[in-house]
Amino acid sequence: MDNFVLILAYLMIGVLLRRLPAMPQSSGIALNMYVLYVALPALILKNVPQLQFSAELLIPAVTPWFLLLVVVATVLLLSKWLNWPREVTGALLIVLPLGNTSFLGFPMTAALFGDAAMPYAVVYDQIGSFIALASYVTIIAALYSPTAAKPTFKGIAVKIITFPSFIALALGLLLRGYDYPPIITQLIDNLAATLVPVVMVAVGFALTVKFSKSEVVPLLSALGIKLLMMPLLAAALWLTLGYSGVAVNISIFQAAMPPMISAGAIAIMAGLAPRLVSGIIGLGILLGLLTLPVVSWLLH
């Protein structure tokens, strides 16, 4: 509970910093870049070597891809039924399937489930959210944006293998069974420890809720799919098959995460319903801070 209070405190610090005239508007971008290129890779290097390969790891690896397929089908059906504009459909196809499984998921998992659950959260994020961000989101943004260049296999592959967290994942897997030198261990631990405060300050700094009345139905549909339907689907999948345990719990918990900020940024840069995307991201985070402890309580 103390860790959860700290997360809220970091979030409020970010909100307050945004009100300071001396803070550049690009501060949130700089903080996110630090997390993407330093803190997140360090956390991966810290946790991946702890992975014990077993059938259980397939659960957090498979869950995000199962959910992606179901959510894509749901959005396309709703779009056809409600006659949403093409830009709204493209925005929801990008924002909804992927959760904030690293920036928010990692600190919330650590706070509510403990460090022992972190390896499963890393697998869910890296095998699911990250690869989907680098491949699926890139393709959808190109298909639905009127200005984006068409994606190529080579471009997507290069994007994946050059991303810092993927490099850290590969290194972590190669270094399984080896102990880091003490100074390297201390460096990785210290950098990984900065992820929670820095990313939550960044989220608070960028937090905004702006949407028009015409976007209320897509907004509410998006929040319902992301925060309610997806964790219920994940629970139904594994519990129906008779699975339980930490791997299942973390998969359900990660499925309940609010929309991924990075995916939202890509949708906005592609010119796909920027106000709607901002509303989904902002409200999703605020509601997620209320719904995630409830999901955790139910799982416990």
C-alpha atoms as a PDB file:
ATOM      1  CA  MET A   1       0.000   0.000   0.000  1.00  0.00           C
ATOM      2  CA  ASP A   2       2.878   2.371   0.755  1.00  0.00           C
ATOM      3  CA  ASN A   3       4.251   1.871  -2.761  1.00  0.00           C
ATOM      4  CA  PHE A   4       0.853   2.699  -4.243  1.00  0.00           C
ATOM      5  CA  VAL A   5       0.743   5.938  -2.232  1.00  0.00           C
ATOM      6  CA  LEU A   6       4.207   6.790  -3.557  1.00  0.00           C
ATOM      7  CA  ILE A   7       3.009   6.234  -7.123  1.00  0.00           C
ATOM      8  CA  LEU A   8       0.161   8.696  -6.566  1.00  0.00           C
ATOM      9  CA  ALA A   9       2.633  11.169  -5.043  1.00  0.00           C
ATOM     10  CA  TYR A  10       4.934  10.939  -8.080  1.00  0.00           C
ATOM     11  CA  LEU A  11       1.922  11.463 -10.352  1.00  0.00           C
ATOM     12  CA  MET A  12       0.900  14.612  -8.475  1.00  0.00           C
ATOM     13  CA  ILE A  13       4.469  15.941  -8.611  1.00  0.00           C
ATOM     14  CA  GLY A  14       4.283  15.676 -12.409  1.00  0.00           C
ATOM     15  CA  VAL A  15       0.932  17.483 -12.490  1.00  0.00           C
ATOM     16  CA  LEU A  16       2.321  20.290 -10.313  1.00  0.00           C
ATOM     17  CA  LEU A  17       5.540  20.588 -12.324  1.00  0.00           C
ATOM     18  CA  ARG A  18       3.522  21.170 -15.496  1.00  0.00           C
ATOM     19  CA  ARG A  19       2.072  24.307 -13.864  1.00  0.00           C
ATOM     20  CA  LEU A  20       5.515  25.832 -13.300  1.00  0.00           C
ATOM     21  CA  PRO A  21       6.338  28.447 -15.966  1.00  0.00           C
ATOM     22  CA  ALA A  22      10.023  27.514 -15.743  1.00  0.00           C
ATOM     23  CA  MET A  23       9.346  23.914 -16.869  1.00  0.00           C
ATOM     24  CA  PRO A  24       9.700  23.499 -20.659  1.00  0.00           C
ATOM     25  CA  GLN A  25       6.735  21.884 -22.393  1.00  0.00           C
ATOM     26  CA  SER A  26       9.098  19.219 -23.737  1.00  0.00           C
ATOM     27  CA  SER A  27      10.017  18.036 -20.220  1.00  0.00           C
ATOM     28  CA  GLY A  28       7.624  15.087 -20.430  1.00  0.00           C
ATOM     29  CA  ILE A  29       9.233  13.951 -23.680  1.00  0.00           C
ATOM     30  CA  ALA A  30      12.702  14.160 -22.130  1.00  0.00           C
ATOM     31  CA  LEU A  31      11.595  12.115 -19.105  1.00  0.00           C
ATOM     32  CA  ASN A  32      10.007   9.469 -21.329  1.00  0.00           C
ATOM     33  CA  MET A  33      13.156   9.277 -23.459  1.00  0.00           C
ATOM     34  CA  TYR A  34      15.227   8.648 -20.314  1.00  0.00           C
ATOM     35  CA  VAL A  35      12.864   5.849 -19.313  1.00  0.00           C
ATOM     36  CA  LEU A  36      12.861   4.287 -22.798  1.00  0.00           C
ATOM     37  CA  TYR A  37      16.621   4.414 -23.278  1.00  0.00           C
ATOM     38  CA  VAL A  38      17.979   3.981 -19.723  1.00  0.00           C
ATOM     39  CA  ALA A  39      15.622   2.968 -16.903  1.00  0.00           C
ATOM     40  CA  LEU A  40      13.488   0.426 -18.783  1.00  0.00           C
ATOM     41  CA  PRO A  41      16.462  -1.438 -20.332  1.00  0.00           C
ATOM     42  CA  ALA A  42      18.086  -1.511 -16.877  1.00  0.00           C
ATOM     43  CA  LEU A  43      14.948  -3.025 -15.357  1.00  0.00           C
ATOM     44  CA  ILE A  44      14.868  -5.644 -18.115  1.00  0.00           C
ATOM     45  CA  LEU A  45      18.544  -6.497 -17.572  1.00  0.00           C
ATOM     46  CA  LYS A  46      17.771  -6.877 -13.884  1.00  0.00           C
ATOM     47  CA  ASN A  47      14.723  -9.140 -14.281  1.00  0.00           C
ATOM     48  CA  VAL A  48      15.231 -11.211 -17.436  1.00  0.00           C
ATOM     49  CA  PRO A  49      18.182 -13.221 -16.066  1.00  0.00           C
ATOM     50  CA  GLN A  50      15.853 -14.307 -13.241  1.00  0.00           C
ATOM     51  CA  LEU A  51      13.425 -15.945 -15.671  1.00  0.00           C
ATOM     52  CA  GLN A  52      12.981 -19.663 -15.130  1.00  0.00           C
ATOM     53  CA  PHE A  53      11.809 -21.042 -18.464  1.00  0.00           C
ATOM     54  CA  SER A  54       8.716 -23.175 -18.081  1.00  0.00           C
ATOM     55  CA  ALA A  55       5.311 -23.706 -19.609  1.00  0.00           C
ATOM     56  CA  GLU A  56       4.041 -20.957 -17.288  1.00  0.00           C
ATOM     57  CA  LEU A  57       5.893 -18.294 -19.300  1.00  0.00           C
ATOM     58  CA  LEU A  58       3.686 -19.102 -22.287  1.00  0.00           C
ATOM     59  CA  ILE A  59       0.714 -17.644 -20.406  1.00  0.00           C
ATOM     60  CA  PRO A  60       1.935 -13.996 -20.274  1.00  0.00           C
ATOM     61  CA  ALA A  61       3.463 -14.429 -23.746  1.00  0.00           C
ATOM     62  CA  VAL A  62       0.253 -15.640 -25.414  1.00  0.00           C
ATOM     63  CA  THR A  63      -2.311 -13.491 -23.574  1.00  0.00           C
ATOM     64  CA  PRO A  64      -1.578 -10.087 -25.229  1.00  0.00           C
ATOM     65  CA  TRP A  65      -1.746 -11.572 -28.739  1.00  0.00           C
ATOM     66  CA  PHE A  66      -5.045 -13.323 -28.006  1.00  0.00           C
ATOM     67  CA  LEU A  67      -6.450 -10.044 -26.680  1.00  0.00           C
ATOM     68  CA  LEU A  68      -5.141  -8.094 -29.676  1.00  0.00           C
ATOM     69  CA  LEU A  69      -7.069 -10.331 -32.094  1.00  0.00           C
ATOM     70  CA  VAL A  70     -10.308 -10.044 -30.095  1.00  0.00           C
ATOM     71  CA  VAL A  71     -10.014  -6.269 -29.624  1.00  0.00           C
ATOM     72  CA  VAL A  72      -9.300  -5.655 -33.317  1.00  0.00           C
ATOM     73  CA  ALA A  73     -12.408  -7.657 -34.259  1.00  0.00           C
ATOM     74  CA  THR A  74     -14.477  -5.779 -31.647  1.00  0.00           C
ATOM     75  CA  VAL A  75     -13.343  -2.337 -32.838  1.00  0.00           C
ATOM     76  CA  LEU A  76     -14.009  -3.173 -36.499  1.00  0.00           C
ATOM     77  CA  LEU A  77     -17.515  -4.442 -35.660  1.00  0.00           C
ATOM     78  CA  LEU A  78     -18.329  -1.388 -33.538  1.00  0.00           C
ATOM     79  CA  SER A  79     -16.950   0.926 -36.209  1.00  0.00           C
ATOM     80  CA  LYS A  80     -19.185  -0.617 -38.844  1.00  0.00           C
ATOM     81  CA  TRP A  81     -22.223  -0.672 -36.562  1.00  0.00           C
ATOM     82  CA  LEU A  82     -21.827   2.908 -35.258  1.00  0.00           C
ATOM     83  CA  ASN A  83     -20.439   4.308 -38.516  1.00  0.00           C
ATOM     84  CA  TRP A  84     -17.311   5.785 -36.940  1.00  0.00           C
ATOM     85  CA  PRO A  85     -15.030   7.898 -39.152  1.00  0.00           C
ATOM     86  CA  ARG A  86     -11.951   6.172 -40.542  1.00  0.00           C
ATOM     87  CA  GLU A  87      -9.620   8.231 -38.324  1.00  0.00           C
ATOM     88  CA  VAL A  88     -11.517   7.160 -35.182  1.00  0.00           C
ATOM     89  CA  THR A  89     -11.348   3.506 -36.222  1.00  0.00           C
ATOM     90  CA  GLY A  90      -7.610   3.763 -36.874  1.00  0.00           C
ATOM     91  CA  ALA A  91      -7.025   5.544 -33.554  1.00  0.00           C
ATOM     92  CA  LEU A  92      -8.870   2.874 -31.554  1.00  0.00           C
ATOM     93  CA  LEU A  93      -7.148   0.044 -33.418  1.00  0.00           C
ATOM     94  CA  ILE A  94      -3.834   1.533 -32.287  1.00  0.00           C
ATOM     95  CA  VAL A  95      -4.658   2.634 -28.739  1.00  0.00           C
ATOM     96  CA  LEU A  96      -6.873  -0.159 -27.404  1.00  0.00           C
ATOM     97  CA  PRO A  97      -5.033  -3.474 -27.942  1.00  0.00           C
ATOM     98  CA  LEU A  98      -1.886  -2.334 -26.108  1.00  0.00           C
ATOM     99  CA  GLY A  99      -1.788  -1.523 -22.418  1.00  0.00           C
ATOM    100  CA  ASN A 100       0.590   0.607 -20.414  1.00  0.00           C
ATOM    101  CA  THR A 101       2.309  -2.622 -19.401  1.00  0.00           C
ATOM    102  CA  SER A 102       5.770  -1.193 -18.734  1.00  0.00           C
ATOM    103  CA  PHE A 103       5.465   2.470 -17.707  1.00  0.00           C
ATOM    104  CA  LEU A 104       2.466   1.841 -15.450  1.00  0.00           C
ATOM    105  CA  GLY A 105       2.354  -1.955 -15.391  1.00  0.00           C
ATOM    106  CA  PHE A 106       5.810  -2.484 -13.922  1.00  0.00           C
ATOM    107  CA  PRO A 107       5.469  -0.124 -10.941  1.00  0.00           C
ATOM    108  CA  MET A 108       1.889  -1.228 -10.256  1.00  0.00           C
ATOM    109  CA  THR A 109       2.876  -4.904 -10.443  1.00  0.00           C
ATOM    110  CA  ALA A 110       5.780  -4.313  -8.049  1.00  0.00           C
ATOM    111  CA  ALA A 111       3.569  -2.306  -5.684  1.00  0.00           C
ATOM    112  CA  LEU A 112       0.603  -4.692  -5.607  1.00  0.00           C
ATOM    113  CA  PHE A 113       2.177  -8.134  -6.257  1.00  0.00           C
ATOM    114  CA  GLY A 114       5.828  -7.775  -5.212  1.00  0.00           C
ATOM    115  CA  ASP A 115       9.128  -8.198  -7.031  1.00  0.00           C
ATOM    116  CA  ALA A 116       8.619 -11.951  -7.484  1.00  0.00           C
ATOM    117  CA  ALA A 117       5.890 -11.226 -10.033  1.00  0.00           C
ATOM    118  CA  MET A 118       8.043  -8.892 -12.135  1.00  0.00           C
ATOM    119  CA  PRO A 119       9.524 -11.509 -14.527  1.00  0.00           C
ATOM    120  CA  TYR A 120       6.010 -12.395 -15.718  1.00  0.00           C
ATOM    121  CA  ALA A 121       5.206  -8.709 -16.220  1.00  0.00           C
ATOM    122  CA  VAL A 122       8.401  -8.321 -18.274  1.00  0.00           C
ATOM    123  CA  VAL A 123       7.466 -11.281 -20.518  1.00  0.00           C
ATOM    124  CA  TYR A 124       3.945  -9.885 -21.072  1.00  0.00           C
ATOM    125  CA  ASP A 125       5.379  -6.485 -21.941  1.00  0.00           C
ATOM    126  CA  GLN A 126       8.296  -7.539 -24.130  1.00  0.00           C
ATOM    127  CA  ILE A 127       6.807 -10.516 -25.990  1.00  0.00           C
ATOM    128  CA  GLY A 128       3.414  -8.878 -26.293  1.00  0.00           C
ATOM    129  CA  SER A 129       3.167  -5.118 -25.941  1.00  0.00           C
ATOM    130  CA  PHE A 130       6.614  -4.155 -27.217  1.00  0.00           C
ATOM    131  CA  ILE A 131       6.684  -6.358 -30.323  1.00  0.00           C
ATOM    132  CA  ALA A 132       3.101  -5.342 -31.144  1.00  0.00           C
ATOM    133  CA  LEU A 133       4.067  -1.677 -30.751  1.00  0.00           C
ATOM    134  CA  ALA A 134       6.994  -2.087 -33.131  1.00  0.00           C
ATOM    135  CA  SER A 135       5.095  -4.142 -35.722  1.00  0.00           C
ATOM    136  CA  TYR A 136       1.289  -4.056 -35.498  1.00  0.00           C
ATOM    137  CA  VAL A 137       1.015  -0.375 -34.501  1.00  0.00           C
ATOM    138  CA  THR A 138       3.449   0.665 -37.223  1.00  0.00           C
ATOM    139  CA  ILE A 139       1.376  -1.142 -39.842  1.00  0.00           C
ATOM    140  CA  ILE A 140      -1.993   0.224 -38.643  1.00  0.00           C
ATOM    141  CA  ALA A 141      -0.645   3.786 -38.428  1.00  0.00           C
ATOM    142  CA  ALA A 142       0.635   3.522 -41.995  1.00  0.00           C
ATOM    143  CA  LEU A 143      -2.612   2.023 -43.303  1.00  0.00           C
ATOM    144  CA  TYR A 144      -4.940   4.552 -41.663  1.00  0.00           C
ATOM    145  CA  SER A 145      -2.842   7.728 -41.779  1.00  0.00           C
ATOM    146  CA  PRO A 146      -3.228   9.769 -44.982  1.00  0.00           C
ATOM    147  CA  THR A 147       0.416  10.863 -44.831  1.00  0.00           C
ATOM    148  CA  ALA A 148       2.452   7.939 -43.416  1.00  0.00           C
ATOM    149  CA  ALA A 149       4.679   5.901 -45.687  1.00  0.00           C
ATOM    150  CA  LYS A 150       3.731   2.286 -46.259  1.00  0.00           C
ATOM    151  CA  PRO A 151       5.539  -0.064 -43.845  1.00  0.00           C
ATOM    152  CA  THR A 152       8.106  -2.545 -45.105  1.00  0.00           C
ATOM    153  CA  PHE A 153       9.262  -5.797 -43.554  1.00  0.00           C
ATOM    154  CA  LYS A 154      12.831  -4.478 -43.378  1.00  0.00           C
ATOM    155  CA  GLY A 155      11.740  -1.242 -41.702  1.00  0.00           C
ATOM    156  CA  ILE A 156       9.716  -3.074 -39.068  1.00  0.00           C
ATOM    157  CA  ALA A 157      12.528  -5.569 -38.398  1.00  0.00           C
ATOM    158  CA  VAL A 158      15.096  -2.781 -37.987  1.00  0.00           C
ATOM    159  CA  LYS A 159      12.733  -0.909 -35.655  1.00  0.00           C
ATOM    160  CA  ILE A 160      12.402  -3.974 -33.449  1.00  0.00           C
ATOM    161  CA  ILE A 161      16.037  -5.056 -33.211  1.00  0.00           C
ATOM    162  CA  THR A 162      17.391  -1.530 -32.642  1.00  0.00           C
ATOM    163  CA  PHE A 163      14.972  -0.614 -29.861  1.00  0.00           C
ATOM    164  CA  PRO A 164      16.821  -0.299 -26.508  1.00  0.00           C
ATOM    165  CA  SER A 165      14.499  -2.575 -24.544  1.00  0.00           C
ATOM    166  CA  PHE A 166      14.766  -5.314 -27.199  1.00  0.00           C
ATOM    167  CA  ILE A 167      18.571  -5.079 -27.060  1.00  0.00           C
ATOM    168  CA  ALA A 168      18.377  -5.328 -23.264  1.00  0.00           C
ATOM    169  CA  LEU A 169      16.051  -8.336 -23.578  1.00  0.00           C
ATOM    170  CA  ALA A 170      18.495 -10.099 -25.913  1.00  0.00           C
ATOM    171  CA  LEU A 171      21.446  -9.338 -23.620  1.00  0.00           C
ATOM    172  CA  GLY A 172      19.517 -10.501 -20.572  1.00  0.00           C
ATOM    173  CA  LEU A 173      18.704 -13.819 -22.233  1.00  0.00           C
ATOM    174  CA  LEU A 174      22.318 -14.296 -23.335  1.00  0.00           C
ATOM    175  CA  LEU A 175      23.575 -13.550 -19.833  1.00  0.00           C
ATOM    176  CA  ARG A 176      21.268 -15.974 -18.026  1.00  0.00           C
ATOM    177  CA  GLY A 177      23.341 -18.077 -15.647  1.00  0.00           C
ATOM    178  CA  TYR A 178      26.094 -15.478 -15.345  1.00  0.00           C
ATOM    179  CA  ASP A 179      26.545 -13.069 -12.445  1.00  0.00           C
ATOM    180  CA  TYR A 180      27.163  -9.419 -13.234  1.00  0.00           C
ATOM    181  CA  PRO A 181      30.268  -7.867 -11.627  1.00  0.00           C
ATOM    182  CA  PRO A 182      29.268  -6.123  -8.368  1.00  0.00           C
ATOM    183  CA  ILE A 183      29.706  -2.610  -9.779  1.00  0.00           C
ATOM    184  CA  ILE A 184      27.551  -3.486 -12.823  1.00  0.00           C
ATOM    185  CA  THR A 185      24.892  -5.012 -10.572  1.00  0.00           C
ATOM    186  CA  GLN A 186      24.831  -1.834  -8.474  1.00  0.00           C
ATOM    187  CA  LEU A 187      24.612   0.347 -11.593  1.00  0.00           C
ATOM    188  CA  ILE A 188      21.739  -1.685 -13.068  1.00  0.00           C
ATOM    189  CA  ASP A 189      19.861  -1.758  -9.747  1.00  0.00           C
ATOM    190  CA  ASN A 190      20.224   1.998  -9.248  1.00  0.00           C
ATOM    191  CA  LEU A 191      19.091   2.832 -12.790  1.00  0.00           C
ATOM    192  CA  ALA A 192      16.182   0.384 -12.635  1.00  0.00           C
ATOM    193  CA  ALA A 193      15.047   1.965  -9.362  1.00  0.00           C
ATOM    194  CA  THR A 194      14.576   5.312 -11.141  1.00  0.00           C
ATOM    195  CA  LEU A 195      11.900   3.930 -13.484  1.00  0.00           C
ATOM    196  CA  VAL A 196       8.965   4.257 -11.086  1.00  0.00           C
ATOM    197  CA  PRO A 197       9.464   7.874  -9.943  1.00  0.00           C
ATOM    198  CA  VAL A 198      10.594   9.183 -13.336  1.00  0.00           C
ATOM    199  CA  VAL A 199       7.860   7.563 -15.393  1.00  0.00           C
ATOM    200  CA  MET A 200       5.053   8.510 -13.007  1.00  0.00           C
ATOM    201  CA  VAL A 201       6.286  12.121 -12.905  1.00  0.00           C
ATOM    202  CA  ALA A 202       6.308  12.035 -16.727  1.00  0.00           C
ATOM    203  CA  VAL A 203       2.763  10.640 -16.818  1.00  0.00           C
ATOM    204  CA  GLY A 204       1.577  13.345 -14.425  1.00  0.00           C
ATOM    205  CA  PHE A 205       3.318  16.021 -16.477  1.00  0.00           C
ATOM    206  CA  ALA A 206       1.619  14.901 -19.702  1.00  0.00           C
ATOM    207  CA  LEU A 207      -1.779  14.034 -18.211  1.00  0.00           C
ATOM    208  CA  THR A 208      -4.594  15.745 -20.114  1.00  0.00           C
ATOM    209  CA  VAL A 209      -8.260  15.097 -20.789  1.00  0.00           C
ATOM    210  CA  LYS A 210      -9.530  16.875 -23.894  1.00  0.00           C
ATOM    211  CA  PHE A 211     -12.342  15.579 -26.104  1.00  0.00           C
ATOM    212  CA  SER A 212     -15.426  16.886 -27.911  1.00  0.00           C
ATOM    213  CA  LYS A 213     -19.037  15.872 -27.322  1.00  0.00           C
ATOM    214  CA  SER A 214     -19.109  13.991 -30.628  1.00  0.00           C
ATOM    215  CA  GLU A 215     -16.381  11.707 -29.312  1.00  0.00           C
ATOM    216  CA  VAL A 216     -18.224  10.614 -26.141  1.00  0.00           C
ATOM    217  CA  VAL A 217     -19.442   7.259 -27.546  1.00  0.00           C
ATOM    218  CA  PRO A 218     -16.023   6.222 -28.958  1.00  0.00           C
ATOM    219  CA  LEU A 219     -14.385   7.407 -25.717  1.00  0.00           C
ATOM    220  CA  LEU A 220     -16.696   5.421 -23.442  1.00  0.00           C
ATOM    221  CA  SER A 221     -16.511   2.392 -25.737  1.00  0.00           C
ATOM    222  CA  ALA A 222     -12.727   2.549 -25.670  1.00  0.00           C
ATOM    223  CA  LEU A 223     -12.525   2.784 -21.880  1.00  0.00           C
ATOM    224  CA  GLY A 224     -15.015  -0.055 -21.454  1.00  0.00           C
ATOM    225  CA  ILE A 225     -13.058  -2.310 -23.817  1.00  0.00           C
ATOM    226  CA  LYS A 226      -9.677  -1.469 -22.293  1.00  0.00           C
ATOM    227  CA  LEU A 227     -10.415  -1.450 -18.572  1.00  0.00           C
ATOM    228  CA  LEU A 228     -13.257  -3.971 -18.341  1.00  0.00           C
ATOM    229  CA  MET A 229     -13.529  -6.280 -21.357  1.00  0.00           C
ATOM    230  CA  MET A 230      -9.831  -7.107 -21.759  1.00  0.00           C
ATOM    231  CA  PRO A 231      -9.126  -8.328 -18.185  1.00  0.00           C
ATOM    232  CA  LEU A 232     -12.399 -10.274 -18.217  1.00  0.00           C
ATOM    233  CA  LEU A 233     -11.373 -11.943 -21.484  1.00  0.00           C
ATOM    234  CA  ALA A 234      -7.946 -12.819 -20.093  1.00  0.00           C
ATOM    235  CA  ALA A 235      -9.528 -14.275 -16.957  1.00  0.00           C
ATOM    236  CA  ALA A 236     -12.101 -16.222 -18.981  1.00  0.00           C
ATOM    237  CA  LEU A 237      -9.400 -17.659 -21.253  1.00  0.00           C
ATOM    238  CA  TRP A 238      -7.121 -19.108 -18.584  1.00  0.00           C
ATOM    239  CA  LEU A 239      -9.599 -19.898 -15.829  1.00  0.00           C
ATOM    240  CA  THR A 240     -11.829 -21.761 -18.289  1.00  0.00           C
ATOM    241  CA  LEU A 241      -8.799 -23.812 -19.330  1.00  0.00           C
ATOM    242  CA  GLY A 242      -8.151 -24.614 -15.663  1.00  0.00           C
ATOM    243  CA  TYR A 243      -4.975 -22.543 -15.194  1.00  0.00           C
ATOM    244  CA  SER A 244      -4.175 -20.481 -12.097  1.00  0.00           C
ATOM    245  CA  GLY A 245      -1.220 -19.039 -10.208  1.00  0.00           C
ATOM    246  CA  VAL A 246       1.063 -16.029 -10.466  1.00  0.00           C
ATOM    247  CA  ALA A 247       1.485 -16.212 -14.259  1.00  0.00           C
ATOM    248  CA  VAL A 248      -2.290 -16.104 -14.792  1.00  0.00           C
ATOM    249  CA  ASN A 249      -2.815 -13.358 -12.211  1.00  0.00           C
ATOM    250  CA  ILE A 250      -0.156 -11.109 -13.736  1.00  0.00           C
ATOM    251  CA  SER A 251      -1.510 -11.737 -17.245  1.00  0.00           C
ATOM    252  CA  ILE A 252      -4.986 -10.650 -16.123  1.00  0.00           C
ATOM    253  CA  PHE A 253      -3.553  -7.687 -14.236  1.00  0.00           C
ATOM    254  CA  GLN A 254      -1.483  -6.527 -17.219  1.00  0.00           C
ATOM    255  CA  ALA A 255      -4.539  -6.913 -19.464  1.00  0.00           C
ATOM    256  CA  ALA A 256      -6.330  -4.444 -17.166  1.00  0.00           C
ATOM    257  CA  MET A 257      -3.746  -1.701 -17.753  1.00  0.00           C
ATOM    258  CA  PRO A 258      -4.859   1.646 -19.235  1.00  0.00           C
ATOM    259  CA  PRO A 259      -3.906   2.374 -22.867  1.00  0.00           C
ATOM    260  CA  MET A 260      -0.223   2.627 -23.745  1.00  0.00           C
ATOM    261  CA  ILE A 261       1.034   6.216 -23.895  1.00  0.00           C
ATOM    262  CA  SER A 262       3.560   5.385 -26.635  1.00  0.00           C
ATOM    263  CA  ALA A 263       0.837   3.906 -28.859  1.00  0.00           C
ATOM    264  CA  GLY A 264      -1.271   6.999 -28.265  1.00  0.00           C
ATOM    265  CA  ALA A 265       1.635   9.203 -29.280  1.00  0.00           C
ATOM    266  CA  ILE A 266       1.991   7.269 -32.542  1.00  0.00           C
ATOM    267  CA  ALA A 267      -1.740   7.633 -33.249  1.00  0.00           C
ATOM    268  CA  ILE A 268      -1.541  11.378 -32.635  1.00  0.00           C
ATOM    269  CA  MET A 269       1.543  11.751 -34.819  1.00  0.00           C
ATOM    270  CA  ALA A 270      -0.328   9.869 -37.562  1.00  0.00           C
ATOM    271  CA  GLY A 271      -3.130  12.429 -37.354  1.00  0.00           C
ATOM    272  CA  LEU A 272      -5.700   9.932 -36.073  1.00  0.00           C
ATOM    273  CA  ALA A 273      -8.280  11.674 -33.828  1.00  0.00           C
ATOM    274  CA  PRO A 274      -5.777  13.489 -31.555  1.00  0.00           C
ATOM    275  CA  ARG A 275      -8.386  14.842 -29.107  1.00  0.00           C
ATOM    276  CA  LEU A 276     -10.044  11.449 -28.734  1.00  0.00           C
ATOM    277  CA  VAL A 277      -6.701   9.715 -28.206  1.00  0.00           C
ATOM    278  CA  SER A 278      -5.694  12.289 -25.568  1.00  0.00           C
ATOM    279  CA  GLY A 279      -9.001  11.763 -23.785  1.00  0.00           C
ATOM    280  CA  ILE A 280      -8.633   7.978 -23.824  1.00  0.00           C
ATOM    281  CA  ILE A 281      -5.058   8.144 -22.509  1.00  0.00           C
ATOM    282  CA  GLY A 282      -5.804  10.755 -19.822  1.00  0.00           C
ATOM    283  CA  LEU A 283      -9.053   9.295 -18.519  1.00  0.00           C
ATOM    284  CA  GLY A 284      -7.678   5.774 -18.878  1.00  0.00           C
ATOM    285  CA  ILE A 285      -4.787   6.526 -16.538  1.00  0.00           C
ATOM    286  CA  LEU A 286      -6.991   8.270 -13.979  1.00  0.00           C
ATOM    287  CA  LEU A 287      -9.571   5.466 -13.993  1.00  0.00           C
ATOM    288  CA  GLY A 288      -6.836   2.831 -14.061  1.00  0.00           C
ATOM    289  CA  LEU A 289      -5.431   4.108 -10.793  1.00  0.00           C
ATOM    290  CA  LEU A 290      -8.841   3.279  -9.309  1.00  0.00           C
ATOM    291  CA  THR A 291      -9.603   0.024 -11.141  1.00  0.00           C
ATOM    292  CA  LEU A 292      -6.188  -1.644 -10.899  1.00  0.00           C
ATOM    293  CA  PRO A 293      -6.212  -1.960  -7.081  1.00  0.00           C
ATOM    294  CA  VAL A 294      -9.720  -3.484  -7.415  1.00  0.00           C
ATOM    295  CA  VAL A 295      -8.455  -6.011  -9.975  1.00  0.00           C
ATOM    296  CA  SER A 296      -5.493  -6.790  -7.705  1.00  0.00           C
ATOM    297  CA  TRP A 297      -7.806  -7.303  -4.736  1.00  0.00           C
ATOM    298  CA  LEU A 298     -10.013  -9.672  -6.751  1.00  0.00           C
ATOM    299  CA  LEU A 299      -6.984 -11.668  -7.925  1.00  0.00           C
ATOM    300  CA  HIS A 300      -5.620 -11.950  -4.398  1.00  0.00           C
END
